[in-house]
Amino acid sequence: MSLNKKQLQVTSIEMKENFLKSGLSKEQLAERMNIQVPELEHVLNMESYGDLMMFIHLVWDTRDVINAEIIAQGEIPADYSYLKGQKEDYWFLK
């Protein structure tokens, strides 16, 4: 996942919008992700830290948990401009 600065900003905005739509709190989402709130904030802000591949997986996993919550509420998550399809569709994420 090689995104430029503008693409990272767009992805952050889209993820935050879907996060708000999910109705989850940061604490609830972090618990579901088995991470701490500061780590979640890095993901929502698209601010990489530590191991890059781990962070990329975390971004996709966070997107999936948010989307699953929205779907569970009978809603449809907004599309992402750059996080398209399923994580498994990308060879570098397997």
N, C-alpha and C. Protein backbone atom coordinates (compact mmCIF):
# COMPACT_ATOMS: atom_id res chain seq x y z
N MET A 1 0.86 -1.17 0.00
CA MET A 1 0.00 0.00 0.00
C MET A 1 0.89 1.22 0.00
N SER A 2 1.10 1.75 -1.14
CA SER A 2 1.94 2.92 -1.26
C SER A 2 1.08 4.11 -1.67
N LEU A 3 0.68 4.89 -0.69
CA LEU A 3 -0.17 6.04 -0.95
C LEU A 3 0.62 7.32 -0.75
N ASN A 4 0.34 8.30 -1.59
CA ASN A 4 1.00 9.59 -1.41
C ASN A 4 0.29 10.38 -0.30
N LYS A 5 0.81 11.55 0.02
CA LYS A 5 0.29 12.33 1.15
C LYS A 5 -1.20 12.66 0.98
N LYS A 6 -1.60 13.07 -0.20
CA LYS A 6 -3.01 13.41 -0.46
C LYS A 6 -3.90 12.17 -0.31
N GLN A 7 -3.44 11.03 -0.84
CA GLN A 7 -4.21 9.79 -0.73
C GLN A 7 -4.35 9.35 0.72
N LEU A 8 -3.30 9.55 1.52
CA LEU A 8 -3.37 9.24 2.94
C LEU A 8 -4.41 10.12 3.64
N GLN A 9 -4.45 11.41 3.27
CA GLN A 9 -5.43 12.33 3.85
C GLN A 9 -6.85 11.91 3.50
N VAL A 10 -7.07 11.56 2.23
CA VAL A 10 -8.39 11.13 1.78
C VAL A 10 -8.81 9.86 2.52
N THR A 11 -7.90 8.91 2.64
CA THR A 11 -8.20 7.65 3.33
C THR A 11 -8.52 7.90 4.79
N SER A 12 -7.80 8.79 5.43
CA SER A 12 -8.06 9.13 6.83
C SER A 12 -9.46 9.73 6.98
N ILE A 13 -9.81 10.64 6.11
CA ILE A 13 -11.14 11.26 6.16
C ILE A 13 -12.23 10.21 5.97
N GLU A 14 -12.05 9.35 4.98
CA GLU A 14 -13.04 8.32 4.69
C GLU A 14 -13.19 7.34 5.85
N MET A 15 -12.06 6.96 6.45
CA MET A 15 -12.12 6.02 7.56
C MET A 15 -12.80 6.67 8.77
N LYS A 16 -12.49 7.92 9.03
CA LYS A 16 -13.11 8.61 10.16
C LYS A 16 -14.62 8.78 9.95
N GLU A 17 -15.03 9.06 8.71
CA GLU A 17 -16.46 9.18 8.43
C GLU A 17 -17.18 7.86 8.65
N ASN A 18 -16.60 6.77 8.17
CA ASN A 18 -17.22 5.46 8.40
C ASN A 18 -17.18 5.09 9.88
N PHE A 19 -16.10 5.45 10.56
CA PHE A 19 -16.02 5.19 12.00
C PHE A 19 -17.17 5.89 12.72
N LEU A 20 -17.41 7.15 12.40
CA LEU A 20 -18.52 7.87 13.02
C LEU A 20 -19.85 7.21 12.69
N LYS A 21 -20.01 6.77 11.46
CA LYS A 21 -21.24 6.10 11.02
C LYS A 21 -21.46 4.80 11.79
N SER A 22 -20.38 4.16 12.20
CA SER A 22 -20.49 2.88 12.91
C SER A 22 -21.11 3.03 14.29
N GLY A 23 -20.97 4.20 14.87
CA GLY A 23 -21.49 4.42 16.21
C GLY A 23 -20.61 3.88 17.32
N LEU A 24 -19.50 3.26 16.95
CA LEU A 24 -18.57 2.74 17.95
C LEU A 24 -17.78 3.87 18.58
N SER A 25 -17.41 3.69 19.83
CA SER A 25 -16.47 4.63 20.45
C SER A 25 -15.05 4.17 20.10
N LYS A 26 -14.10 5.04 20.31
CA LYS A 26 -12.70 4.65 20.06
C LYS A 26 -12.32 3.48 20.97
N GLU A 27 -12.82 3.51 22.20
CA GLU A 27 -12.50 2.44 23.14
C GLU A 27 -13.08 1.10 22.67
N GLN A 28 -14.31 1.14 22.18
CA GLN A 28 -14.94 -0.10 21.69
C GLN A 28 -14.20 -0.65 20.47
N LEU A 29 -13.86 0.23 19.54
CA LEU A 29 -13.17 -0.22 18.34
C LEU A 29 -11.78 -0.73 18.68
N ALA A 30 -11.06 -0.03 19.54
CA ALA A 30 -9.73 -0.48 19.95
C ALA A 30 -9.82 -1.85 20.61
N GLU A 31 -10.83 -2.05 21.44
CA GLU A 31 -10.99 -3.35 22.11
C GLU A 31 -11.24 -4.45 21.08
N ARG A 32 -12.10 -4.18 20.10
CA ARG A 32 -12.36 -5.18 19.06
C ARG A 32 -11.12 -5.47 18.23
N MET A 33 -10.26 -4.49 18.08
CA MET A 33 -9.04 -4.65 17.29
C MET A 33 -7.91 -5.23 18.15
N ASN A 34 -8.13 -5.31 19.46
CA ASN A 34 -7.13 -5.78 20.39
C ASN A 34 -5.87 -4.89 20.37
N ILE A 35 -6.14 -3.58 20.32
CA ILE A 35 -5.07 -2.58 20.35
C ILE A 35 -5.47 -1.51 21.35
N GLN A 36 -4.57 -0.59 21.60
CA GLN A 36 -4.83 0.54 22.49
C GLN A 36 -5.37 1.72 21.68
N VAL A 37 -6.08 2.62 22.34
CA VAL A 37 -6.66 3.79 21.67
C VAL A 37 -5.60 4.63 20.94
N PRO A 38 -4.42 4.87 21.52
CA PRO A 38 -3.41 5.64 20.77
C PRO A 38 -3.03 4.97 19.44
N GLU A 39 -2.96 3.64 19.42
CA GLU A 39 -2.67 2.94 18.17
C GLU A 39 -3.80 3.14 17.18
N LEU A 40 -5.04 3.07 17.66
CA LEU A 40 -6.19 3.30 16.80
C LEU A 40 -6.15 4.70 16.21
N GLU A 41 -5.78 5.67 17.01
CA GLU A 41 -5.71 7.05 16.52
C GLU A 41 -4.68 7.18 15.41
N HIS A 42 -3.56 6.45 15.51
CA HIS A 42 -2.58 6.44 14.42
C HIS A 42 -3.22 5.91 13.14
N VAL A 43 -4.01 4.85 13.27
CA VAL A 43 -4.66 4.26 12.10
C VAL A 43 -5.66 5.25 11.51
N LEU A 44 -6.53 5.80 12.34
CA LEU A 44 -7.54 6.74 11.85
C LEU A 44 -6.91 7.96 11.19
N ASN A 45 -5.74 8.35 11.67
CA ASN A 45 -5.03 9.49 11.10
C ASN A 45 -4.07 9.10 9.98
N MET A 46 -3.98 7.77 9.72
CA MET A 46 -3.08 7.24 8.70
C MET A 46 -1.64 7.70 8.96
N GLU A 47 -1.23 7.60 10.21
CA GLU A 47 0.12 7.95 10.64
C GLU A 47 0.85 6.66 10.99
N SER A 48 1.64 6.19 10.05
CA SER A 48 2.35 4.93 10.23
C SER A 48 3.29 5.00 11.44
N TYR A 49 3.41 3.87 12.10
CA TYR A 49 4.35 3.75 13.22
C TYR A 49 4.86 2.32 13.23
N GLY A 50 6.01 2.11 13.79
CA GLY A 50 6.55 0.75 13.93
C GLY A 50 6.73 0.04 12.60
N ASP A 51 6.44 -1.24 12.60
CA ASP A 51 6.57 -2.09 11.42
C ASP A 51 5.53 -1.70 10.38
N LEU A 52 5.97 -1.31 9.19
CA LEU A 52 5.07 -0.81 8.15
C LEU A 52 4.06 -1.87 7.71
N MET A 53 4.50 -3.10 7.51
CA MET A 53 3.56 -4.14 7.07
C MET A 53 2.51 -4.42 8.15
N MET A 54 2.91 -4.40 9.40
CA MET A 54 1.95 -4.58 10.48
C MET A 54 0.93 -3.44 10.46
N PHE A 55 1.40 -2.23 10.25
CA PHE A 55 0.51 -1.07 10.20
C PHE A 55 -0.47 -1.19 9.04
N ILE A 56 0.01 -1.60 7.87
CA ILE A 56 -0.85 -1.75 6.70
C ILE A 56 -1.95 -2.77 6.98
N HIS A 57 -1.59 -3.89 7.57
CA HIS A 57 -2.60 -4.89 7.94
C HIS A 57 -3.60 -4.31 8.93
N LEU A 58 -3.11 -3.53 9.88
CA LEU A 58 -3.98 -2.93 10.88
C LEU A 58 -4.98 -1.96 10.23
N VAL A 59 -4.53 -1.21 9.24
CA VAL A 59 -5.42 -0.29 8.52
C VAL A 59 -6.56 -1.08 7.88
N TRP A 60 -6.21 -2.12 7.14
CA TRP A 60 -7.23 -2.93 6.46
C TRP A 60 -8.15 -3.62 7.47
N ASP A 61 -7.59 -4.15 8.55
CA ASP A 61 -8.40 -4.82 9.55
C ASP A 61 -9.36 -3.84 10.23
N THR A 62 -8.89 -2.63 10.49
CA THR A 62 -9.73 -1.60 11.10
C THR A 62 -10.88 -1.26 10.16
N ARG A 63 -10.56 -1.08 8.89
CA ARG A 63 -11.60 -0.82 7.90
C ARG A 63 -12.65 -1.93 7.93
N ASP A 64 -12.20 -3.17 7.98
CA ASP A 64 -13.12 -4.31 7.96
C ASP A 64 -14.02 -4.35 9.20
N VAL A 65 -13.47 -4.07 10.36
CA VAL A 65 -14.26 -4.07 11.59
C VAL A 65 -15.29 -2.94 11.56
N ILE A 66 -14.89 -1.77 11.12
CA ILE A 66 -15.81 -0.64 11.00
C ILE A 66 -16.93 -0.99 10.02
N ASN A 67 -16.55 -1.51 8.86
CA ASN A 67 -17.55 -1.87 7.85
C ASN A 67 -18.51 -2.93 8.36
N ALA A 68 -17.99 -3.93 9.07
CA ALA A 68 -18.84 -5.00 9.61
C ALA A 68 -19.86 -4.43 10.59
N GLU A 69 -19.46 -3.48 11.40
CA GLU A 69 -20.39 -2.88 12.37
C GLU A 69 -21.47 -2.10 11.63
N ILE A 70 -21.10 -1.36 10.62
CA ILE A 70 -22.09 -0.59 9.84
C ILE A 70 -23.08 -1.55 9.17
N ILE A 71 -22.57 -2.62 8.59
CA ILE A 71 -23.43 -3.62 7.93
C ILE A 71 -24.35 -4.30 8.94
N ALA A 72 -23.82 -4.59 10.13
CA ALA A 72 -24.63 -5.23 11.18
C ALA A 72 -25.81 -4.34 11.58
N GLN A 73 -25.68 -3.05 11.38
CA GLN A 73 -26.75 -2.11 11.71
C GLN A 73 -27.71 -1.93 10.53
N GLY A 74 -27.49 -2.69 9.46
CA GLY A 74 -28.37 -2.62 8.30
C GLY A 74 -28.05 -1.47 7.36
N GLU A 75 -26.90 -0.88 7.53
CA GLU A 75 -26.46 0.24 6.69
C GLU A 75 -25.38 -0.23 5.73
N ILE A 76 -25.02 0.65 4.81
CA ILE A 76 -23.96 0.36 3.85
C ILE A 76 -22.80 1.33 4.10
N PRO A 77 -21.59 0.80 4.32
CA PRO A 77 -20.45 1.70 4.53
C PRO A 77 -20.15 2.48 3.25
N ALA A 78 -19.70 3.69 3.42
CA ALA A 78 -19.26 4.48 2.27
C ALA A 78 -18.03 3.82 1.67
N ASP A 79 -17.92 3.92 0.36
CA ASP A 79 -16.76 3.35 -0.33
C ASP A 79 -15.50 4.13 0.01
N TYR A 80 -14.40 3.42 -0.06
CA TYR A 80 -13.10 4.03 0.10
C TYR A 80 -12.48 4.25 -1.27
N SER A 81 -11.79 5.34 -1.42
CA SER A 81 -11.14 5.64 -2.70
C SER A 81 -9.96 4.73 -2.96
N TYR A 82 -9.24 4.35 -1.90
CA TYR A 82 -8.00 3.60 -2.08
C TYR A 82 -7.98 2.24 -1.38
N LEU A 83 -8.85 2.00 -0.45
CA LEU A 83 -8.92 0.70 0.23
C LEU A 83 -10.05 -0.10 -0.41
N LYS A 84 -9.82 -0.55 -1.61
CA LYS A 84 -10.85 -1.22 -2.39
C LYS A 84 -10.74 -2.73 -2.26
N GLY A 85 -11.88 -3.40 -2.37
CA GLY A 85 -11.89 -4.85 -2.36
C GLY A 85 -11.59 -5.42 -0.99
N GLN A 86 -11.08 -6.63 -1.02
CA GLN A 86 -10.74 -7.34 0.21
C GLN A 86 -9.23 -7.41 0.37
N LYS A 87 -8.80 -7.43 1.60
CA LYS A 87 -7.37 -7.51 1.89
C LYS A 87 -6.74 -8.71 1.20
N GLU A 88 -7.48 -9.80 1.15
CA GLU A 88 -6.95 -11.04 0.56
C GLU A 88 -6.72 -10.92 -0.95
N ASP A 89 -7.29 -9.89 -1.57
CA ASP A 89 -7.12 -9.69 -3.01
C ASP A 89 -5.72 -9.17 -3.36
N TYR A 90 -4.99 -8.71 -2.37
CA TYR A 90 -3.68 -8.11 -2.60
C TYR A 90 -2.59 -9.07 -2.16
N TRP A 91 -1.73 -9.41 -3.08
CA TRP A 91 -0.69 -10.40 -2.81
C TRP A 91 0.20 -10.00 -1.64
N PHE A 92 0.47 -8.71 -1.48
CA PHE A 92 1.40 -8.27 -0.44
C PHE A 92 0.76 -8.26 0.94
N LEU A 93 -0.55 -8.54 1.00
CA LEU A 93 -1.24 -8.57 2.29
C LEU A 93 -1.58 -9.99 2.73
N LYS A 94 -1.10 -10.98 1.99
CA LYS A 94 -1.39 -12.38 2.33
C LYS A 94 -0.39 -12.91 3.32
